[in-house]
C-alpha cells in the first residue's frame, strides 16, 4: 500500500501549536509579573491572591487530567497539545484581565 500524501492541515498543525505555546508563555509571564506585584504589596489582598493562585492551579491540573483521561481532547498528538494549550490559555487570559482591571 502506498502512503497517502500528508494533508496541508497536518503540515501546519505543529507550527501552529508552537506559536500558540509561545503566546501562552508570553501571556503567562505577564500574569506572573502582575501576581508578583500584587503579592509584594502584602496584606489581605496578597493573601487572597496567593490562595486563589494555588486553588486555580490545582483545579486547572485536575480538569486537564480528566480531559486527557477521557479523550475529550482528541487522539491526534497535535490536537491534544493544542487543546491543552487552549485549556491553560483561557485561564491565563482570565487572570490577565482580572489583574489589569482598575
Protein backbone atom coordinates (compact mmCIF):
# COMPACT_ATOMS: atom_id res chain seq x y z
CA UNK A 1 0.00 0.00 0.00
CA UNK A 2 1.22 3.46 -0.88
CA UNK A 3 1.37 6.06 1.82
CA UNK A 4 -1.10 8.89 1.38
CA UNK A 5 0.17 12.40 0.90
CA UNK A 6 0.16 14.50 4.10
CA UNK A 7 -2.66 16.99 4.24
CA UNK A 8 -1.90 20.69 4.34
CA UNK A 9 -3.63 20.87 7.73
CA UNK A 10 -1.31 18.19 9.11
CA UNK A 11 1.74 20.06 7.87
CA UNK A 12 0.64 23.21 9.69
CA UNK A 13 -0.52 21.58 12.92
CA UNK A 14 2.77 21.62 14.83
CA UNK A 15 3.90 25.12 13.81
CA UNK A 16 0.50 26.41 14.96
CA UNK A 17 0.88 24.53 18.27
CA UNK A 18 4.37 26.01 18.67
CA UNK A 19 3.12 29.56 18.03
CA UNK A 20 0.22 29.06 20.44
CA UNK A 21 2.62 27.76 23.09
CA UNK A 22 4.86 30.80 22.60
CA UNK A 23 1.92 33.19 23.01
CA UNK A 24 0.77 31.30 26.10
CA UNK A 25 4.26 31.63 27.58
CA UNK A 26 4.36 35.36 26.87
CA UNK A 27 0.95 35.95 28.42
CA UNK A 28 1.77 33.71 31.40
CA UNK A 29 4.96 35.72 32.01
CA UNK A 30 2.88 38.87 32.20
CA UNK A 31 0.44 37.26 34.64
CA UNK A 32 3.36 36.07 36.79
CA UNK A 33 4.69 39.64 36.91
CA UNK A 34 1.25 41.03 37.80
CA UNK A 35 0.79 38.43 40.53
CA UNK A 36 4.24 39.07 41.97
CA UNK A 37 3.42 42.78 42.14
CA UNK A 38 0.18 42.01 43.96
CA UNK A 39 1.92 39.62 46.37
CA UNK A 40 4.68 42.16 47.05
CA UNK A 41 2.07 44.64 48.30
CA UNK A 42 1.32 42.31 51.19
CA UNK A 43 -1.74 42.32 53.40
CA UNK A 44 -5.10 40.69 52.88
CA UNK A 45 -5.20 41.20 49.08
CA UNK A 46 -1.84 39.42 48.74
CA UNK A 47 -3.04 36.57 50.93
CA UNK A 48 -6.23 36.19 48.84
CA UNK A 49 -4.18 36.22 45.63
CA UNK A 50 -1.83 33.53 46.94
CA UNK A 51 -4.72 31.32 47.98
CA UNK A 52 -6.50 31.91 44.68
CA UNK A 53 -3.35 31.11 42.72
CA UNK A 54 -2.85 27.74 44.41
CA UNK A 55 -6.53 26.83 44.10
CA UNK A 56 -6.65 27.79 40.39
CA UNK A 57 -3.54 25.77 39.59
CA UNK A 58 -4.95 22.73 41.36
CA UNK A 59 -8.29 22.99 39.55
CA UNK A 60 -6.62 23.51 36.17
CA UNK A 61 -4.50 20.39 36.66
CA UNK A 62 -7.43 18.24 37.79
CA UNK A 63 -9.58 19.43 34.88
CA UNK A 64 -6.75 18.73 32.43
CA UNK A 65 -6.15 15.24 33.84
CA UNK A 66 -9.86 14.43 33.46
CA UNK A 67 -9.93 15.71 29.88
CA UNK A 68 -6.86 13.70 28.93
CA UNK A 69 -8.07 10.54 30.67
CA UNK A 70 -11.45 10.64 28.94
CA UNK A 71 -10.09 11.50 25.50
CA UNK A 72 -12.02 14.76 25.43
CA UNK A 73 -9.03 16.49 23.81
CA UNK A 74 -8.89 14.01 20.94
CA UNK A 75 -6.41 11.38 19.90
CA UNK A 76 -4.10 13.14 17.46
CA UNK A 77 -0.97 14.37 19.27
CA UNK A 78 -1.05 17.87 17.77
CA UNK A 79 -4.76 18.15 18.58
CA UNK A 80 -4.19 17.10 22.20
CA UNK A 81 -1.28 19.53 22.51
CA UNK A 82 -3.30 22.38 21.02
CA UNK A 83 -6.30 21.76 23.24
CA UNK A 84 -4.04 21.52 26.29
CA UNK A 85 -2.59 24.92 25.44
CA UNK A 86 -6.12 26.29 24.96
CA UNK A 87 -7.08 24.81 28.33
CA UNK A 88 -4.39 26.83 30.09
CA UNK A 89 -4.62 29.87 27.84
CA UNK A 90 -8.23 30.56 28.78
CA UNK A 91 -7.27 30.59 32.46
CA UNK A 92 -4.18 32.71 31.94
CA UNK A 93 -6.15 35.18 29.85
CA UNK A 94 -8.86 35.44 32.51
CA UNK A 95 -6.22 36.17 35.15
CA UNK A 96 -4.58 38.80 32.96
CA UNK A 97 -7.93 40.53 32.50
CA UNK A 98 -8.71 40.34 36.21
CA UNK A 99 -5.29 41.59 37.31
CA UNK A 100 -5.21 44.52 34.88
CA UNK A 101 -8.68 45.86 35.75
CA UNK A 102 -8.71 49.03 37.77
